Amino acid sequence: MKRLIKDATIINEGLKFKGSVLISQDKIENIFPHKIPENLDLNGLEIVDASGLFLIPGVIDDQVHFREPGLTYKGEIATESRAAVAGGVTTFMEMPNTKPQTVTQELLQEKYQRAARVSPANFSFYMGATNDNLDEVLKTDPSKVCGIKIFMGSSTGNMLVDDEETLSEIFKNAPTLIATHCEDEKTIQENTKIARERYGENVPVSRHCHIRSVEACYKSSSKAVELASKYNTRLHVLHLSSGKEMELFSPGKVKDKHITAEVCVHHLWFDDRDYITKGNLIKWNPAVKTMKDKEALWEALLSDKIDVIATDHAPHTLEEKNNTYFNAPSGGPLVQHSLVAMLEMSRKGVISVEKVVQKMCHAPADLFRIDRRGYIREGYYADLVLIDPNRSWVVSPENILYKCGWSPFEGEEFSHRVVSTFVNGELAYDGEKIVSDVKGKQAEFILD
């Protein structure tokens, strides 16, 4: 089947122009800037009128936690991938801190098999590292797996890798990219002790950014960068949260870097003043920090020190979140709202629409060397999103698709709305509902 998306405002590779895109099966066959050729045979084509709409490549989210297996009361691959597609995310990369943890090749393959059955979005999964599974980690196929995840700080699931010899061996021998969660455990424990001595068990959530402090992040991030520099490892540092860490990274094109950086939507949107109204709903690891840190992250993002915008989508139930500080888990749901949140920042003049597309679509594709995704190019997979830039809506429980049923953006009015999401040329979301029979594909990666 062929489909023509007609008269859209195409935003791609730093350009914004009026044009049309012809899709054949799962690929982009032709891109027509300005006018459609008069000799184009329209018979049998499904024509999508995209007048007044933005057309962008599908978003690639390089860091999500979909909670399957073992934690499916919070979220499932099926439910969270549907929310992702409704938010314009056509490819996701999911983390290993599930139950059981994804720390063997057999468990990794089980996730791929599950996603192939239930996910409307394209998918990849990280292989998880521990202090004692080096042999399994080194079996990872770099053409089929997005990367190796190392928790250099404990978080949900407690997969902390703190053995120096193991870290060195992974960085030295990793067959593919390493992605790190960087927070120094000793510093966090010392700060926790200080907080308990002062507040007992009633530590206010506003102290989260002091417990999981700038120093904790920097100490761990700098160690990861040092190891990657020593062994010439492809390193991607996830969810950076502090201004101080920005000195570890350099501006430039993603393709030219061995060490890359990610920032998440919540660290760009919220700061420590928001703990007053949001409480544990914005408790993440690493912590949301000060306005000064947020400003430094934006500056680094716009100067290309930071390469990618992602979500760290990590759902928990409201019952869990409505707990005391030490008993409330860190993390929150974001995949349905990441794109529209960043487009809202573009409306406010903080970032251009072209830069949003660069950081959420092009850069992840380049960084992970994904095969034929992340761009609107002839011969590429037709992962495409149509957005109405003038259709305001308010986030409410009625339109939230996360299994956990809540969002830190609840009550927020966004000016842009996703009206169609195409995955591999198929309409997967029509602006109101998910098309249930659409299935995503396993992402593949180009080797050197």
Protein backbone atom coordinates (compact mmCIF):
# COMPACT_ATOMS: atom_id res chain seq x y z
CA MET A 1 0.00 0.00 0.00
CA LYS A 2 1.09 3.55 -0.74
CA ARG A 3 0.27 6.66 1.23
CA LEU A 4 0.90 10.32 0.37
CA ILE A 5 1.24 12.80 3.23
CA LYS A 6 0.41 15.99 1.38
CA ASP A 7 1.27 19.66 1.95
CA ALA A 8 2.87 19.34 5.39
CA THR A 9 5.38 21.70 6.95
CA ILE A 10 8.33 19.31 7.01
CA ILE A 11 10.89 19.83 9.79
CA ASN A 12 14.00 17.79 9.09
CA GLU A 13 17.80 18.17 9.12
CA GLY A 14 17.68 21.79 10.25
CA LEU A 15 15.19 22.86 7.59
CA LYS A 16 11.52 23.79 7.67
CA PHE A 17 9.72 23.68 4.32
CA LYS A 18 6.36 22.90 2.73
CA GLY A 19 6.32 19.50 1.08
CA SER A 20 4.84 16.05 0.69
CA VAL A 21 6.10 12.54 1.46
CA LEU A 22 5.23 9.39 -0.45
CA ILE A 23 5.29 6.18 1.60
CA SER A 24 5.50 2.76 0.00
CA GLN A 25 5.09 -0.22 2.32
CA ASP A 26 7.37 0.51 5.32
CA LYS A 27 9.72 3.02 3.65
CA ILE A 28 9.78 6.60 2.42
CA GLU A 29 9.78 6.38 -1.38
CA ASN A 30 9.88 10.07 -2.31
CA ILE A 31 10.08 13.49 -0.69
CA PHE A 32 8.55 16.30 -2.74
CA PRO A 33 9.61 19.80 -1.62
CA HIS A 34 7.01 22.42 -2.43
CA LYS A 35 4.81 20.93 -5.21
CA ILE A 36 3.82 17.37 -6.02
CA PRO A 37 4.96 16.41 -9.56
CA GLU A 38 2.14 16.64 -12.08
CA ASN A 39 2.98 13.19 -13.45
CA LEU A 40 2.60 11.46 -10.06
CA ASP A 41 -0.08 8.79 -10.36
CA LEU A 42 -2.49 9.36 -7.48
CA ASN A 43 -4.66 6.34 -8.28
CA GLY A 44 -4.70 3.88 -5.40
CA LEU A 45 -2.90 6.26 -3.05
CA GLU A 46 -4.25 6.97 0.41
CA ILE A 47 -3.90 10.75 0.65
CA VAL A 48 -3.39 12.41 4.04
CA ASP A 49 -4.05 16.16 3.95
CA ALA A 50 -1.40 17.64 6.25
CA SER A 51 -2.06 21.31 5.52
CA GLY A 52 -1.18 23.41 8.57
CA LEU A 53 0.55 20.47 10.28
CA PHE A 54 4.20 19.80 11.12
CA LEU A 55 5.69 16.56 9.81
CA ILE A 56 8.74 15.30 11.72
CA PRO A 57 10.62 12.00 12.03
CA GLY A 58 9.45 9.76 14.84
CA VAL A 59 11.02 10.48 18.21
CA ILE A 60 13.64 8.00 19.43
CA ASP A 61 13.69 7.73 23.24
CA ASP A 62 16.95 6.17 24.36
CA GLN A 63 15.97 5.66 28.01
CA VAL A 64 12.72 4.15 29.27
CA HIS A 65 11.64 1.73 31.99
CA PHE A 66 8.52 -0.16 30.91
CA ARG A 67 8.54 -2.42 34.03
CA GLU A 68 8.11 -5.77 32.30
CA PRO A 69 8.76 -8.44 33.48
CA GLY A 70 7.98 -8.51 37.18
CA LEU A 71 6.70 -4.99 37.86
CA THR A 72 3.71 -4.96 35.54
CA TYR A 73 1.36 -3.42 38.09
CA LYS A 74 3.25 -0.17 37.31
CA GLY A 75 3.50 -0.55 33.53
CA GLU A 76 3.88 -3.07 30.72
CA ILE A 77 5.63 -3.07 27.36
CA ALA A 78 2.16 -3.03 25.74
CA THR A 79 0.71 -0.14 27.75
CA GLU A 80 3.76 2.10 27.85
CA SER A 81 4.63 1.63 24.17
CA ARG A 82 1.08 2.68 23.31
CA ALA A 83 1.53 5.84 25.38
CA ALA A 84 4.84 6.39 23.60
CA VAL A 85 3.27 6.18 20.15
CA ALA A 86 0.51 8.59 21.22
CA GLY A 87 3.29 11.00 22.14
CA GLY A 88 5.09 10.68 18.81
CA VAL A 89 7.75 8.25 20.06
CA THR A 90 8.24 5.59 17.39
CA THR A 91 11.34 3.84 18.80
CA PHE A 92 12.29 3.18 22.42
CA MET A 93 15.28 1.67 24.24
CA GLU A 94 14.33 -0.01 27.49
CA MET A 95 16.34 -0.58 30.64
CA PRO A 96 17.32 -3.83 32.43
CA ASN A 97 16.24 -3.16 36.05
CA THR A 98 13.16 -5.38 35.89
CA LYS A 99 12.34 -8.59 37.81
CA PRO A 100 14.26 -10.63 36.93
CA GLN A 101 16.96 -8.20 35.89
CA THR A 102 17.99 -8.40 32.25
CA VAL A 103 21.49 -9.71 32.94
CA THR A 104 21.66 -12.82 30.71
CA GLN A 105 21.35 -13.13 26.95
CA GLU A 106 18.41 -15.48 27.42
CA LEU A 107 16.44 -12.95 29.49
CA LEU A 108 17.32 -10.24 26.98
CA GLN A 109 15.88 -12.30 24.13
CA GLU A 110 12.69 -12.91 26.08
CA LYS A 111 12.12 -9.15 26.19
CA TYR A 112 12.64 -8.86 22.44
CA GLN A 113 10.17 -11.66 21.83
CA ARG A 114 7.59 -10.05 24.08
CA ALA A 115 7.94 -6.64 22.43
CA ALA A 116 7.55 -8.15 18.96
CA ARG A 117 4.15 -9.47 20.06
CA VAL A 118 2.73 -6.42 21.83
CA SER A 119 4.55 -3.16 21.02
CA PRO A 120 3.20 -0.75 18.37
CA ALA A 121 6.53 1.11 18.60
CA ASN A 122 9.94 -0.06 17.39
CA PHE A 123 12.14 -1.32 20.20
CA SER A 124 15.53 -2.19 21.58
CA PHE A 125 16.66 -3.33 25.02
CA TYR A 126 19.83 -2.74 27.00
CA MET A 127 21.89 -5.58 28.38
CA GLY A 128 22.34 -5.05 32.12
CA ALA A 129 25.72 -5.20 33.82
CA THR A 130 26.34 -6.39 37.37
CA ASN A 131 29.45 -7.06 39.42
CA ASP A 132 29.45 -10.71 38.33
CA ASN A 133 28.00 -11.16 34.82
CA LEU A 134 30.92 -10.00 32.67
CA ASP A 135 30.83 -13.12 30.48
CA GLU A 136 27.18 -12.52 29.60
CA VAL A 137 27.77 -8.82 28.93
CA LEU A 138 30.57 -9.57 26.48
CA LYS A 139 28.26 -11.85 24.44
CA THR A 140 26.07 -8.86 23.50
CA ASP A 141 25.49 -8.52 19.75
CA PRO A 142 26.17 -4.88 18.78
CA SER A 143 24.09 -5.18 15.60
CA LYS A 144 20.96 -6.18 17.55
CA VAL A 145 21.30 -4.52 20.99
CA CYS A 146 21.40 -0.77 21.65
CA GLY A 147 23.93 -0.88 24.47
CA ILE A 148 25.13 -2.06 27.87
CA LYS A 149 23.64 -0.34 30.90
CA ILE A 150 25.80 0.26 33.95
CA PHE A 151 24.34 1.68 37.16
CA MET A 152 27.31 3.52 38.66
CA GLY A 153 24.90 4.59 41.39
CA SER A 154 22.06 2.60 42.94
CA SER A 155 18.52 3.33 41.81
CA THR A 156 15.28 1.40 41.35
CA GLY A 157 16.19 -2.29 41.13
CA ASN A 158 19.59 -1.95 42.85
CA MET A 159 21.92 -3.02 40.02
CA LEU A 160 24.86 -1.03 41.37
CA VAL A 161 28.19 -1.94 39.74
CA ASP A 162 30.88 -0.79 42.17
CA ASP A 163 33.64 -3.35 41.71
CA GLU A 164 36.60 -1.47 40.22
CA GLU A 165 38.00 -4.44 38.34
CA THR A 166 34.61 -5.26 36.81
CA LEU A 167 34.09 -1.66 35.70
CA SER A 168 37.49 -1.57 34.06
CA GLU A 169 36.91 -4.87 32.26
CA ILE A 170 33.52 -3.74 30.92
CA PHE A 171 34.87 -0.40 29.70
CA LYS A 172 37.91 -2.09 28.19
CA ASN A 173 36.08 -4.88 26.37
CA ALA A 174 32.50 -3.71 25.75
CA PRO A 175 31.38 -4.82 22.26
CA THR A 176 28.94 -1.91 22.00
CA LEU A 177 28.06 1.44 23.55
CA ILE A 178 27.98 1.76 27.35
CA ALA A 179 25.20 3.87 28.90
CA THR A 180 25.69 4.92 32.51
CA HIS A 181 23.60 6.09 35.43
CA CYS A 182 26.12 8.21 37.33
CA GLU A 183 25.72 8.97 41.05
CA ASP A 184 28.38 8.21 43.64
CA GLU A 185 26.95 5.80 46.20
CA LYS A 186 29.25 6.73 49.09
CA THR A 187 28.38 10.42 48.78
CA ILE A 188 24.65 9.63 48.69
CA GLN A 189 24.91 7.47 51.82
CA GLU A 190 26.80 10.19 53.68
CA ASN A 191 24.21 12.80 52.70
CA THR A 192 21.39 10.45 53.68
CA LYS A 193 22.91 10.01 57.13
CA ILE A 194 23.09 13.80 57.59
CA ALA A 195 19.44 14.18 56.52
CA ARG A 196 18.26 11.45 58.90
CA GLU A 197 20.13 13.03 61.78
CA ARG A 198 18.38 16.32 61.10
CA TYR A 199 14.86 15.18 60.13
CA GLY A 200 14.56 11.58 61.28
CA GLU A 201 12.19 9.71 58.98
CA ASN A 202 10.37 12.93 58.01
CA VAL A 203 12.88 14.17 55.45
CA PRO A 204 11.14 16.63 53.09
CA VAL A 205 11.35 15.73 49.41
CA SER A 206 12.96 19.11 48.78
CA ARG A 207 16.12 17.62 50.34
CA HIS A 208 16.34 15.04 47.54
CA CYS A 209 18.64 17.26 45.48
CA HIS A 210 20.91 17.68 48.52
CA ILE A 211 21.05 13.96 49.23
CA ARG A 212 21.58 13.02 45.58
CA SER A 213 23.73 16.07 45.19
CA VAL A 214 25.73 17.79 42.47
CA GLU A 215 28.88 16.35 44.04
CA ALA A 216 27.50 12.80 43.91
CA CYS A 217 26.68 13.19 40.23
CA TYR A 218 29.95 14.84 39.26
CA LYS A 219 32.14 12.35 41.09
CA SER A 220 30.52 9.45 39.26
CA SER A 221 30.19 11.11 35.84
CA SER A 222 33.83 12.18 35.87
CA LYS A 223 34.85 8.61 36.72
CA ALA A 224 32.86 7.24 33.78
CA VAL A 225 34.40 9.78 31.43
CA GLU A 226 37.87 8.95 32.77
CA LEU A 227 37.36 5.23 32.14
CA ALA A 228 35.95 5.82 28.66
CA SER A 229 38.86 8.10 27.79
CA LYS A 230 41.37 5.52 29.06
CA TYR A 231 39.90 2.63 27.05
CA ASN A 232 38.48 4.61 24.08
CA THR A 233 35.00 3.33 24.95
CA ARG A 234 31.80 4.59 23.36
CA LEU A 235 30.16 6.12 26.44
CA HIS A 236 26.74 7.73 26.75
CA VAL A 237 26.09 9.43 30.09
CA LEU A 238 22.38 9.35 30.86
CA HIS A 239 20.10 11.94 32.51
CA LEU A 240 22.64 14.63 33.41
CA SER A 241 21.24 16.96 36.02
CA SER A 242 23.85 19.50 37.15
CA GLY A 243 25.72 22.45 35.75
CA LYS A 244 29.04 21.23 37.12
CA GLU A 245 28.92 18.07 35.02
CA MET A 246 28.82 20.14 31.84
CA GLU A 247 32.57 20.73 32.05
CA LEU A 248 33.05 17.05 31.25
CA PHE A 249 31.57 17.33 27.74
CA SER A 250 32.46 19.10 24.51
CA PRO A 251 30.28 20.68 21.83
CA GLY A 252 30.22 19.11 18.42
CA LYS A 253 28.44 16.71 16.11
CA VAL A 254 27.28 13.43 17.61
CA LYS A 255 28.93 11.42 14.83
CA ASP A 256 32.33 12.83 15.82
CA LYS A 257 32.08 11.94 19.51
CA HIS A 258 33.05 8.86 21.52
CA ILE A 259 31.61 10.36 24.72
CA THR A 260 28.06 11.71 24.54
CA ALA A 261 25.53 13.22 26.92
CA GLU A 262 21.79 13.03 27.53
CA VAL A 263 19.37 15.30 29.35
CA CYS A 264 15.83 14.34 30.30
CA VAL A 265 12.68 16.40 29.93
CA HIS A 266 12.07 16.69 33.68
CA HIS A 267 15.51 18.23 34.30
CA LEU A 268 14.77 20.83 31.62
CA TRP A 269 11.23 21.58 32.82
CA PHE A 270 11.28 21.41 36.62
CA ASP A 271 13.64 22.75 39.30
CA ASP A 272 13.83 22.53 43.09
CA ARG A 273 11.13 25.18 43.55
CA ASP A 274 8.61 22.70 42.10
CA TYR A 275 9.02 20.26 45.01
CA ILE A 276 6.63 22.53 46.94
CA THR A 277 3.69 21.72 44.64
CA LYS A 278 4.73 18.44 43.02
CA GLY A 279 6.40 16.66 45.94
CA ASN A 280 7.35 13.04 45.25
CA LEU A 281 5.79 13.24 41.76
CA ILE A 282 9.05 14.85 40.62
CA LYS A 283 11.32 12.68 42.74
CA TRP A 284 13.77 11.23 40.22
CA ASN A 285 17.27 9.78 40.35
CA PRO A 286 19.32 11.84 39.61
CA ALA A 287 17.38 14.55 41.38
CA VAL A 288 15.77 17.63 39.89
CA LYS A 289 18.14 20.36 41.06
CA THR A 290 18.29 24.17 41.16
CA MET A 291 17.16 26.73 38.61
CA LYS A 292 20.86 27.52 38.03
CA ASP A 293 21.49 23.87 37.18
CA LYS A 294 18.49 23.83 34.85
CA GLU A 295 19.76 26.93 33.06
CA ALA A 296 23.19 25.32 32.66
CA LEU A 297 21.59 22.22 31.13
CA TRP A 298 19.71 24.34 28.63
CA GLU A 299 22.87 26.24 27.71
CA ALA A 300 24.76 22.96 27.21
CA LEU A 301 21.92 21.50 25.15
CA LEU A 302 21.73 24.50 22.83
CA SER A 303 25.51 24.58 22.38
CA ASP A 304 25.60 20.85 21.54
CA LYS A 305 27.52 19.77 24.61
CA ILE A 306 24.42 17.71 25.39
CA ASP A 307 23.44 15.55 22.47
CA VAL A 308 20.07 13.94 23.21
CA ILE A 309 16.77 14.71 24.95
CA ALA A 310 15.11 11.62 26.46
CA THR A 311 12.62 10.82 29.23
CA ASP A 312 13.83 8.15 31.68
CA HIS A 313 10.14 7.19 31.67
CA ALA A 314 9.72 5.22 34.89
CA PRO A 315 6.15 4.73 36.10
CA HIS A 316 5.13 4.05 39.69
CA THR A 317 1.65 3.95 41.17
CA LEU A 318 0.21 7.01 42.88
CA GLU A 319 -0.09 4.93 46.04
CA GLU A 320 3.67 4.41 45.99
CA LYS A 321 4.36 8.05 45.23
CA ASN A 322 2.04 9.28 47.99
CA ASN A 323 4.38 7.95 50.61
CA THR A 324 7.03 9.41 52.89
CA TYR A 325 10.30 10.50 51.29
CA PHE A 326 12.29 7.35 52.03
CA ASN A 327 9.40 5.07 51.05
CA ALA A 328 8.42 6.82 47.82
CA PRO A 329 10.25 5.42 44.78
CA SER A 330 12.06 7.65 42.31
CA GLY A 331 10.86 8.00 38.74
CA GLY A 332 7.82 9.13 36.81
CA PRO A 333 5.94 8.59 33.51
CA LEU A 334 6.86 10.87 30.59
CA VAL A 335 6.84 9.24 27.11
CA GLN A 336 3.39 10.49 26.13
CA HIS A 337 4.28 14.10 26.88
CA SER A 338 7.98 14.55 26.13
CA LEU A 339 7.61 15.82 22.56
CA VAL A 340 4.77 18.24 23.26
CA ALA A 341 6.61 19.54 26.34
CA MET A 342 9.68 20.37 24.26
CA LEU A 343 7.52 21.90 21.53
CA GLU A 344 5.97 24.06 24.25
CA MET A 345 9.46 25.30 25.07
CA SER A 346 9.91 26.10 21.39
CA ARG A 347 6.72 28.16 21.44
CA LYS A 348 8.19 30.10 24.38
CA GLY A 349 11.33 30.79 22.35
CA VAL A 350 13.68 28.69 24.48
CA ILE A 351 14.59 26.26 21.68
CA SER A 352 13.79 26.11 17.97
CA VAL A 353 11.54 23.42 16.55
CA GLU A 354 14.43 22.37 14.32
CA LYS A 355 16.62 21.86 17.40
CA VAL A 356 13.91 19.80 19.13
CA VAL A 357 13.88 17.47 16.11
CA GLN A 358 17.67 17.32 16.11
CA LYS A 359 17.88 16.33 19.78
CA MET A 360 14.92 13.93 19.90
CA CYS A 361 15.06 12.31 16.44
CA HIS A 362 18.31 12.80 14.51
CA ALA A 363 20.85 12.69 17.35
CA PRO A 364 19.68 9.42 18.95
CA ALA A 365 19.75 7.77 15.52
CA ASP A 366 23.29 9.00 14.89
CA LEU A 367 24.56 8.28 18.40
CA PHE A 368 23.34 4.67 18.46
CA ARG A 369 23.96 4.20 14.71
CA ILE A 370 20.41 3.03 14.15
CA ASP A 371 19.73 1.62 10.71
CA ARG A 372 17.57 3.99 8.59
CA ARG A 373 15.60 5.73 11.30
CA GLY A 374 15.50 9.20 12.84
CA TYR A 375 15.33 11.18 9.57
CA ILE A 376 12.90 11.95 6.77
CA ARG A 377 14.99 10.53 3.94
CA GLU A 378 14.18 8.49 0.86
CA GLY A 379 14.80 4.80 1.58
CA TYR A 380 14.42 5.26 5.36
CA TYR A 381 11.71 3.61 7.44
CA ALA A 382 8.55 5.69 7.45
CA ASP A 383 8.50 6.55 11.16
CA LEU A 384 6.69 9.87 10.98
CA VAL A 385 4.65 12.17 13.22
CA LEU A 386 2.09 14.79 12.27
CA ILE A 387 1.63 17.60 14.80
CA ASP A 388 -0.94 20.37 14.95
CA PRO A 389 0.99 23.41 16.28
CA ASN A 390 -2.22 25.30 17.07
CA ARG A 391 -4.38 22.77 18.88
CA SER A 392 -4.25 23.40 22.62
CA TRP A 393 -5.15 20.68 25.07
CA VAL A 394 -4.84 20.01 28.78
CA VAL A 395 -3.28 16.89 30.29
CA SER A 396 -5.92 15.10 32.37
CA PRO A 397 -6.59 11.59 33.69
CA GLU A 398 -9.02 11.09 30.81
CA ASN A 399 -6.29 11.40 28.16
CA ILE A 400 -3.34 9.83 30.03
CA LEU A 401 -2.44 6.42 28.59
CA TYR A 402 0.15 5.29 31.15
CA LYS A 403 -0.92 2.24 33.11
CA CYS A 404 -0.16 4.12 36.34
CA GLY A 405 -2.78 6.70 35.32
CA TRP A 406 -0.99 9.92 36.29
CA SER A 407 1.50 12.44 34.92
CA PRO A 408 3.64 15.17 36.48
CA PHE A 409 2.21 17.36 33.71
CA GLU A 410 -1.40 16.88 34.80
CA GLY A 411 -3.22 20.21 34.46
CA GLU A 412 -0.61 21.56 32.03
CA GLU A 413 -1.92 23.13 28.80
CA PHE A 414 0.12 22.33 25.70
CA SER A 415 -0.20 24.25 22.45
CA HIS A 416 0.91 21.39 20.16
CA ARG A 417 -0.88 18.09 19.70
CA VAL A 418 0.17 14.84 18.04
CA VAL A 419 -2.54 14.05 15.48
CA SER A 420 -0.98 11.04 13.69
CA THR A 421 1.92 8.69 14.31
CA PHE A 422 3.16 6.35 11.59
CA VAL A 423 5.40 3.40 12.49
CA ASN A 424 7.10 1.66 9.55
CA GLY A 425 4.58 3.28 7.22
CA GLU A 426 1.51 2.13 9.15
CA LEU A 427 -0.83 4.50 10.97
CA ALA A 428 -0.31 3.54 14.62
CA TYR A 429 -2.10 6.49 16.29
CA ASP A 430 -4.86 8.58 14.74
CA GLY A 431 -4.97 11.40 17.26
CA GLU A 432 -7.57 9.70 19.40
CA LYS A 433 -6.68 6.05 19.70
CA ILE A 434 -3.98 3.47 19.01
CA VAL A 435 -4.48 1.27 15.95
CA SER A 436 -4.31 -2.04 17.75
CA ASP A 437 -2.96 -4.34 15.04
CA VAL A 438 0.19 -2.29 14.28
CA LYS A 439 3.41 -3.88 15.53
CA GLY A 440 6.82 -2.25 15.71
CA LYS A 441 10.12 -3.80 14.64
CA GLN A 442 13.35 -4.51 16.44
CA ALA A 443 15.80 -1.69 15.81
CA GLU A 444 19.05 -2.69 14.15
CA PHE A 445 22.41 -0.99 14.40
CA ILE A 446 25.12 -0.26 11.87
CA LEU A 447 28.56 -1.57 12.78
CA ASP A 448 31.80 0.29 12.05
